[in-house]
């Protein structure tokens, strides 16, 4: 899977999680805003961690040296 497809998957998971949180846990405007903010922040942080690891593999800083056997 490419970068764009997995990014769209993370967006979809974040939106579904935020919407399900709004439907299941309706406890007031202030609490809902905090919960949605936390869920979206968690989705963005997970995506950023994945993106950094994925992109770091494309151009590594240390090139492995193969032994000539």
N, C-alpha and C. Protein backbone atom coordinates (compact mmCIF):
# COMPACT_ATOMS: atom_id res chain seq x y z
N UNK A 1 0.84 -1.18 0.00
CA UNK A 1 0.00 0.00 0.00
C UNK A 1 0.88 1.24 0.00
N UNK A 2 0.41 2.22 -0.67
CA UNK A 2 1.17 3.43 -0.78
C UNK A 2 0.90 4.40 0.36
N UNK A 3 1.62 5.48 0.30
CA UNK A 3 1.52 6.50 1.34
C UNK A 3 0.12 7.12 1.36
N UNK A 4 -0.41 7.42 0.19
CA UNK A 4 -1.71 8.08 0.11
C UNK A 4 -2.85 7.18 0.58
N UNK A 5 -2.80 5.92 0.23
CA UNK A 5 -3.86 4.98 0.63
C UNK A 5 -3.89 4.82 2.14
N UNK A 6 -2.73 4.66 2.74
CA UNK A 6 -2.68 4.48 4.19
C UNK A 6 -3.06 5.77 4.91
N UNK A 7 -2.70 6.92 4.34
CA UNK A 7 -3.12 8.18 4.92
C UNK A 7 -4.65 8.30 4.90
N UNK A 8 -5.26 7.89 3.82
CA UNK A 8 -6.72 7.92 3.74
C UNK A 8 -7.35 6.96 4.75
N UNK A 9 -6.71 5.83 5.00
CA UNK A 9 -7.20 4.90 6.00
C UNK A 9 -7.15 5.53 7.39
N UNK A 10 -6.06 6.21 7.70
CA UNK A 10 -5.95 6.90 8.99
C UNK A 10 -7.01 7.99 9.12
N UNK A 11 -7.27 8.73 8.05
CA UNK A 11 -8.31 9.77 8.08
C UNK A 11 -9.67 9.14 8.32
N UNK A 12 -9.95 8.05 7.63
CA UNK A 12 -11.23 7.36 7.78
C UNK A 12 -11.41 6.84 9.21
N UNK A 13 -10.37 6.24 9.77
CA UNK A 13 -10.45 5.72 11.14
C UNK A 13 -10.66 6.87 12.12
N UNK A 14 -9.99 7.99 11.93
CA UNK A 14 -10.16 9.14 12.81
C UNK A 14 -11.56 9.72 12.74
N UNK A 15 -12.12 9.83 11.55
CA UNK A 15 -13.47 10.37 11.39
C UNK A 15 -14.50 9.42 11.99
N UNK A 16 -14.35 8.13 11.73
CA UNK A 16 -15.30 7.15 12.29
C UNK A 16 -15.23 7.15 13.81
N UNK A 17 -14.03 7.21 14.37
CA UNK A 17 -13.89 7.23 15.82
C UNK A 17 -14.51 8.49 16.43
N UNK A 18 -14.31 9.63 15.79
CA UNK A 18 -14.88 10.88 16.31
C UNK A 18 -16.40 10.87 16.22
N UNK A 19 -16.93 10.37 15.11
CA UNK A 19 -18.38 10.33 14.96
C UNK A 19 -19.02 9.32 15.91
N UNK A 20 -18.39 8.17 16.09
CA UNK A 20 -18.94 7.18 17.02
C UNK A 20 -18.87 7.69 18.46
N UNK A 21 -17.85 8.47 18.77
CA UNK A 21 -17.75 9.07 20.10
C UNK A 21 -18.88 10.06 20.32
N UNK A 22 -19.20 10.85 19.31
CA UNK A 22 -20.30 11.81 19.43
C UNK A 22 -21.64 11.11 19.58
N UNK A 23 -21.81 9.99 18.90
CA UNK A 23 -23.09 9.28 18.97
C UNK A 23 -23.24 8.49 20.27
N UNK A 24 -22.16 7.91 20.76
CA UNK A 24 -22.25 7.03 21.93
C UNK A 24 -22.13 7.77 23.26
N UNK A 25 -21.28 8.77 23.33
CA UNK A 25 -20.98 9.43 24.60
C UNK A 25 -21.37 10.90 24.54
N UNK A 26 -22.64 11.19 24.58
CA UNK A 26 -23.12 12.56 24.52
C UNK A 26 -23.31 13.07 25.94
N UNK A 27 -22.33 13.83 26.44
CA UNK A 27 -22.35 14.28 27.84
C UNK A 27 -22.26 15.79 27.98
N UNK A 28 -22.55 16.52 26.96
CA UNK A 28 -22.47 17.98 27.05
C UNK A 28 -21.47 18.51 26.05
N UNK A 29 -21.62 19.80 25.75
CA UNK A 29 -20.81 20.40 24.70
C UNK A 29 -19.33 20.42 25.06
N UNK A 30 -19.01 20.83 26.27
CA UNK A 30 -17.60 20.96 26.68
C UNK A 30 -16.91 19.60 26.72
N UNK A 31 -17.58 18.62 27.28
CA UNK A 31 -16.99 17.27 27.38
C UNK A 31 -16.85 16.64 26.00
N UNK A 32 -17.86 16.82 25.15
CA UNK A 32 -17.79 16.27 23.80
C UNK A 32 -16.63 16.88 23.01
N UNK A 33 -16.45 18.19 23.15
CA UNK A 33 -15.35 18.86 22.45
C UNK A 33 -14.00 18.33 22.91
N UNK A 34 -13.86 18.11 24.20
CA UNK A 34 -12.61 17.56 24.73
C UNK A 34 -12.37 16.15 24.20
N UNK A 35 -13.39 15.31 24.23
CA UNK A 35 -13.24 13.93 23.76
C UNK A 35 -12.92 13.86 22.27
N UNK A 36 -13.60 14.66 21.46
CA UNK A 36 -13.32 14.66 20.02
C UNK A 36 -11.92 15.18 19.75
N UNK A 37 -11.51 16.21 20.48
CA UNK A 37 -10.15 16.73 20.32
C UNK A 37 -9.10 15.68 20.66
N UNK A 38 -9.33 14.92 21.73
CA UNK A 38 -8.38 13.88 22.11
C UNK A 38 -8.33 12.75 21.08
N UNK A 39 -9.48 12.36 20.54
CA UNK A 39 -9.51 11.28 19.55
C UNK A 39 -8.81 11.72 18.26
N UNK A 40 -9.07 12.93 17.81
CA UNK A 40 -8.43 13.43 16.60
C UNK A 40 -6.93 13.60 16.80
N UNK A 41 -6.53 14.08 17.98
CA UNK A 41 -5.11 14.21 18.28
C UNK A 41 -4.42 12.85 18.29
N UNK A 42 -5.07 11.85 18.84
CA UNK A 42 -4.50 10.49 18.86
C UNK A 42 -4.35 9.95 17.44
N UNK A 43 -5.35 10.18 16.59
CA UNK A 43 -5.27 9.70 15.21
C UNK A 43 -4.15 10.40 14.45
N UNK A 44 -4.00 11.71 14.66
CA UNK A 44 -2.94 12.46 13.99
C UNK A 44 -1.56 12.01 14.47
N UNK A 45 -1.42 11.77 15.77
CA UNK A 45 -0.13 11.31 16.30
C UNK A 45 0.23 9.92 15.78
N UNK A 46 -0.75 9.03 15.71
CA UNK A 46 -0.48 7.69 15.16
C UNK A 46 -0.09 7.78 13.69
N UNK A 47 -0.78 8.64 12.94
CA UNK A 47 -0.44 8.82 11.52
C UNK A 47 0.97 9.39 11.37
N UNK A 48 1.32 10.39 12.19
CA UNK A 48 2.65 10.99 12.08
C UNK A 48 3.74 9.97 12.40
N UNK A 49 3.52 9.13 13.41
CA UNK A 49 4.51 8.11 13.74
C UNK A 49 4.67 7.13 12.59
N UNK A 50 3.56 6.70 12.02
CA UNK A 50 3.62 5.80 10.87
C UNK A 50 4.32 6.47 9.69
N UNK A 51 3.99 7.72 9.40
CA UNK A 51 4.56 8.42 8.26
C UNK A 51 6.07 8.62 8.42
N UNK A 52 6.52 8.93 9.62
CA UNK A 52 7.95 9.12 9.85
C UNK A 52 8.70 7.81 9.63
N UNK A 53 8.16 6.71 10.16
CA UNK A 53 8.82 5.41 9.99
C UNK A 53 8.80 4.99 8.52
N UNK A 54 7.67 5.21 7.84
CA UNK A 54 7.54 4.83 6.43
C UNK A 54 8.51 5.63 5.56
N UNK A 55 8.57 6.94 5.77
CA UNK A 55 9.43 7.78 4.94
C UNK A 55 10.91 7.59 5.28
N UNK A 56 11.22 7.23 6.53
CA UNK A 56 12.61 7.00 6.90
C UNK A 56 13.19 5.78 6.19
N UNK A 57 12.34 4.84 5.80
CA UNK A 57 12.81 3.66 5.10
C UNK A 57 13.11 3.94 3.63
N UNK A 58 12.57 5.03 3.09
CA UNK A 58 12.81 5.34 1.68
C UNK A 58 14.22 5.86 1.42
N UNK A 59 14.73 6.65 2.33
CA UNK A 59 16.08 7.19 2.18
C UNK A 59 16.76 7.14 3.55
N UNK A 60 17.33 6.00 3.89
CA UNK A 60 17.94 5.87 5.22
C UNK A 60 19.20 6.73 5.36
N UNK A 61 19.46 7.18 6.57
CA UNK A 61 20.64 8.01 6.83
C UNK A 61 21.91 7.17 6.82
N UNK A 62 21.81 5.94 7.29
CA UNK A 62 22.96 5.03 7.33
C UNK A 62 22.72 3.95 6.30
N UNK A 63 23.62 3.85 5.32
CA UNK A 63 23.49 2.86 4.26
C UNK A 63 24.14 1.57 4.73
N UNK A 64 23.42 0.45 4.68
CA UNK A 64 24.03 -0.82 5.09
C UNK A 64 25.15 -1.24 4.13
N UNK A 65 26.20 -1.79 4.69
CA UNK A 65 27.35 -2.27 3.89
C UNK A 65 27.25 -3.78 3.78
N UNK A 66 27.18 -4.27 2.56
CA UNK A 66 27.09 -5.71 2.33
C UNK A 66 28.48 -6.32 2.31
N UNK A 67 28.59 -7.44 2.97
CA UNK A 67 29.89 -8.12 2.97
C UNK A 67 30.01 -8.93 1.65
N UNK A 68 31.17 -8.87 1.03
CA UNK A 68 31.39 -9.56 -0.25
C UNK A 68 31.86 -10.98 -0.03
N UNK A 69 30.93 -11.90 0.11
CA UNK A 69 31.31 -13.30 0.30
C UNK A 69 31.23 -14.05 -0.97
